[in-house]
Amino acid sequence: MDEKRPSRRKDKDNPYTMNEKDGRFYIMFNNIDNETVTVEVSEDVYALFNTFELEDLVLMNEFDRHSEHSELGE
C-alpha cells in the first residue's frame, strides 16, 4: 500500500497501522489470533485515527524531553 504520510514513531500500545492507497483509507491491526486484518474506513475515521496518533506522539515527545530517565542512586 502507498505510504504517503510521514513515518512516525509509534507508542508500544498502539495496535494499528494507517495506510492510504488510491484515495482509499485503511487501518491494519492484528486480531486475537495474530492475523493481520485490514479494514477500509472513511476519510473522517482515518482523520480521527491520525489525530489519536499525533496526540500519542506529543505525549511521547513530552515524556522524552521533560521527564527524568535516570535510575535512582545513592
N, C-alpha and C. Protein backbone atom coordinates (compact mmCIF):
# COMPACT_ATOMS: atom_id res chain seq x y z
N MET A 1 0.84 -1.18 0.00
CA MET A 1 0.00 0.00 0.00
C MET A 1 0.88 1.23 0.00
N ASP A 2 0.41 2.26 -0.61
CA ASP A 2 1.17 3.51 -0.64
C ASP A 2 1.23 4.10 0.76
N GLU A 3 2.39 4.54 1.12
CA GLU A 3 2.59 5.18 2.42
C GLU A 3 2.94 6.63 2.15
N LYS A 4 1.93 7.49 1.98
CA LYS A 4 2.16 8.89 1.65
C LYS A 4 2.39 9.75 2.88
N ARG A 5 1.89 9.33 4.00
CA ARG A 5 2.06 10.13 5.20
C ARG A 5 3.44 9.87 5.79
N PRO A 6 3.95 10.79 6.59
CA PRO A 6 5.30 10.63 7.12
C PRO A 6 5.39 9.45 8.08
N SER A 7 6.56 8.85 8.12
CA SER A 7 6.80 7.77 9.05
C SER A 7 6.89 8.37 10.46
N ARG A 8 6.15 7.79 11.37
CA ARG A 8 6.12 8.32 12.74
C ARG A 8 6.52 7.25 13.73
N ARG A 9 7.02 7.73 14.84
CA ARG A 9 7.27 6.84 15.95
C ARG A 9 5.93 6.41 16.52
N LYS A 10 5.81 5.15 16.91
CA LYS A 10 4.55 4.65 17.44
C LYS A 10 4.71 4.28 18.90
N ASP A 11 3.66 4.53 19.65
CA ASP A 11 3.61 4.10 21.03
C ASP A 11 3.53 2.57 21.07
N LYS A 12 4.12 1.96 22.08
CA LYS A 12 4.10 0.49 22.15
C LYS A 12 2.69 -0.05 22.31
N ASP A 13 1.77 0.77 22.80
CA ASP A 13 0.39 0.34 22.99
C ASP A 13 -0.49 0.63 21.78
N ASN A 14 0.07 1.17 20.72
CA ASN A 14 -0.68 1.49 19.51
C ASN A 14 -0.83 0.22 18.67
N PRO A 15 -2.04 -0.33 18.56
CA PRO A 15 -2.21 -1.62 17.89
C PRO A 15 -2.48 -1.54 16.39
N TYR A 16 -2.52 -0.36 15.82
CA TYR A 16 -2.94 -0.24 14.42
C TYR A 16 -1.89 0.48 13.57
N THR A 17 -1.99 0.26 12.26
CA THR A 17 -1.17 0.95 11.27
C THR A 17 -2.11 1.56 10.25
N MET A 18 -1.84 2.79 9.86
CA MET A 18 -2.70 3.50 8.91
C MET A 18 -2.05 3.54 7.54
N ASN A 19 -2.85 3.33 6.50
CA ASN A 19 -2.36 3.38 5.13
C ASN A 19 -3.39 4.07 4.24
N GLU A 20 -2.89 4.65 3.15
CA GLU A 20 -3.75 5.26 2.13
C GLU A 20 -3.29 4.75 0.78
N LYS A 21 -4.22 4.32 -0.03
CA LYS A 21 -3.88 3.85 -1.38
C LYS A 21 -5.00 4.22 -2.32
N ASP A 22 -4.65 4.90 -3.40
CA ASP A 22 -5.61 5.28 -4.44
C ASP A 22 -6.82 6.04 -3.89
N GLY A 23 -6.58 6.91 -2.92
CA GLY A 23 -7.67 7.71 -2.36
C GLY A 23 -8.55 6.96 -1.39
N ARG A 24 -8.20 5.74 -1.04
CA ARG A 24 -8.94 4.95 -0.07
C ARG A 24 -8.10 4.83 1.20
N PHE A 25 -8.75 4.73 2.32
CA PHE A 25 -8.08 4.75 3.61
C PHE A 25 -8.25 3.41 4.31
N TYR A 26 -7.14 2.91 4.88
CA TYR A 26 -7.14 1.59 5.51
C TYR A 26 -6.51 1.66 6.89
N ILE A 27 -7.04 0.85 7.80
CA ILE A 27 -6.46 0.65 9.12
C ILE A 27 -6.13 -0.84 9.21
N MET A 28 -4.89 -1.15 9.59
CA MET A 28 -4.47 -2.55 9.72
C MET A 28 -4.12 -2.82 11.18
N PHE A 29 -4.52 -4.01 11.66
CA PHE A 29 -4.22 -4.41 13.02
C PHE A 29 -4.20 -5.93 13.08
N ASN A 30 -3.68 -6.47 14.18
CA ASN A 30 -3.66 -7.92 14.38
C ASN A 30 -4.82 -8.29 15.28
N ASN A 31 -5.54 -9.37 14.90
CA ASN A 31 -6.65 -9.82 15.73
C ASN A 31 -6.13 -10.74 16.83
N ILE A 32 -7.03 -11.36 17.54
CA ILE A 32 -6.66 -12.18 18.69
C ILE A 32 -5.84 -13.40 18.29
N ASP A 33 -6.00 -13.86 17.04
CA ASP A 33 -5.23 -14.99 16.54
C ASP A 33 -3.93 -14.56 15.88
N ASN A 34 -3.56 -13.29 16.06
CA ASN A 34 -2.36 -12.68 15.49
C ASN A 34 -2.35 -12.68 13.96
N GLU A 35 -3.53 -12.62 13.37
CA GLU A 35 -3.68 -12.49 11.92
C GLU A 35 -3.87 -11.02 11.60
N THR A 36 -3.23 -10.55 10.54
CA THR A 36 -3.36 -9.16 10.15
C THR A 36 -4.71 -8.93 9.47
N VAL A 37 -5.45 -7.95 9.97
CA VAL A 37 -6.75 -7.60 9.43
C VAL A 37 -6.66 -6.19 8.86
N THR A 38 -7.14 -6.01 7.64
CA THR A 38 -7.16 -4.69 7.00
C THR A 38 -8.62 -4.28 6.81
N VAL A 39 -8.95 -3.09 7.31
CA VAL A 39 -10.31 -2.58 7.23
C VAL A 39 -10.29 -1.26 6.49
N GLU A 40 -11.16 -1.13 5.49
CA GLU A 40 -11.30 0.15 4.79
C GLU A 40 -12.21 1.04 5.62
N VAL A 41 -11.78 2.29 5.82
CA VAL A 41 -12.54 3.23 6.63
C VAL A 41 -12.78 4.51 5.84
N SER A 42 -13.69 5.32 6.33
CA SER A 42 -13.95 6.60 5.67
C SER A 42 -12.84 7.58 5.99
N GLU A 43 -12.81 8.68 5.26
CA GLU A 43 -11.78 9.70 5.48
C GLU A 43 -11.91 10.32 6.87
N ASP A 44 -13.14 10.46 7.36
CA ASP A 44 -13.36 11.03 8.70
C ASP A 44 -12.78 10.13 9.79
N VAL A 45 -12.99 8.83 9.67
CA VAL A 45 -12.45 7.89 10.65
C VAL A 45 -10.93 7.88 10.57
N TYR A 46 -10.40 7.91 9.36
CA TYR A 46 -8.95 7.96 9.16
C TYR A 46 -8.37 9.21 9.82
N ALA A 47 -9.05 10.34 9.66
CA ALA A 47 -8.58 11.59 10.27
C ALA A 47 -8.59 11.49 11.80
N LEU A 48 -9.59 10.81 12.37
CA LEU A 48 -9.63 10.61 13.82
C LEU A 48 -8.45 9.76 14.29
N PHE A 49 -8.19 8.66 13.59
CA PHE A 49 -7.05 7.82 13.94
C PHE A 49 -5.75 8.62 13.83
N ASN A 50 -5.64 9.46 12.81
CA ASN A 50 -4.46 10.30 12.64
C ASN A 50 -4.32 11.25 13.83
N THR A 51 -5.41 11.82 14.27
CA THR A 51 -5.39 12.72 15.43
C THR A 51 -4.93 11.97 16.68
N PHE A 52 -5.45 10.76 16.88
CA PHE A 52 -5.04 9.96 18.04
C PHE A 52 -3.54 9.67 17.99
N GLU A 53 -3.04 9.34 16.82
CA GLU A 53 -1.62 9.03 16.66
C GLU A 53 -0.76 10.27 16.94
N LEU A 54 -1.20 11.42 16.48
CA LEU A 54 -0.46 12.66 16.74
C LEU A 54 -0.46 13.00 18.23
N GLU A 55 -1.59 12.78 18.91
CA GLU A 55 -1.65 13.03 20.35
C GLU A 55 -0.70 12.10 21.10
N ASP A 56 -0.64 10.84 20.69
CA ASP A 56 0.31 9.90 21.30
C ASP A 56 1.75 10.38 21.10
N LEU A 57 2.04 10.87 19.91
CA LEU A 57 3.38 11.36 19.60
C LEU A 57 3.75 12.56 20.47
N VAL A 58 2.81 13.46 20.68
CA VAL A 58 3.05 14.62 21.54
C VAL A 58 3.37 14.16 22.96
N LEU A 59 2.60 13.20 23.47
CA LEU A 59 2.85 12.71 24.83
C LEU A 59 4.20 12.01 24.94
N MET A 60 4.56 11.22 23.93
CA MET A 60 5.87 10.55 23.96
C MET A 60 7.01 11.56 23.92
N ASN A 61 6.88 12.60 23.08
CA ASN A 61 7.92 13.62 23.00
C ASN A 61 8.04 14.39 24.30
N GLU A 62 6.90 14.72 24.90
CA GLU A 62 6.92 15.44 26.17
C GLU A 62 7.61 14.59 27.25
N PHE A 63 7.29 13.32 27.29
CA PHE A 63 7.92 12.42 28.25
C PHE A 63 9.43 12.37 28.02
N ASP A 64 9.85 12.24 26.77
CA ASP A 64 11.27 12.15 26.46
C ASP A 64 12.03 13.43 26.80
N ARG A 65 11.41 14.55 26.62
CA ARG A 65 12.10 15.84 26.83
C ARG A 65 12.08 16.32 28.27
N HIS A 66 11.00 16.04 29.00
CA HIS A 66 10.83 16.69 30.28
C HIS A 66 10.84 15.77 31.48
N SER A 67 10.91 14.51 31.29
CA SER A 67 10.93 13.60 32.42
C SER A 67 12.33 13.11 32.68
N GLU A 68 12.62 12.85 33.92
CA GLU A 68 13.91 12.32 34.26
C GLU A 68 13.92 10.84 33.99
N HIS A 69 14.92 10.36 33.30
CA HIS A 69 15.02 8.95 32.97
C HIS A 69 16.16 8.25 33.70
N SER A 70 16.74 8.93 34.64
CA SER A 70 17.89 8.34 35.32
C SER A 70 17.42 7.37 36.41
N GLU A 71 18.28 6.41 36.70
CA GLU A 71 17.99 5.47 37.78
C GLU A 71 18.32 6.13 39.10
N LEU A 72 17.57 5.76 40.11
CA LEU A 72 17.82 6.31 41.42
C LEU A 72 19.11 5.70 41.99
N GLY A 73 19.93 6.54 42.51
CA GLY A 73 21.18 6.09 43.11
C GLY A 73 21.23 6.51 44.56
N GLU A 74 22.43 6.61 45.05
CA GLU A 74 22.61 6.99 46.46
C GLU A 74 22.19 8.40 46.70
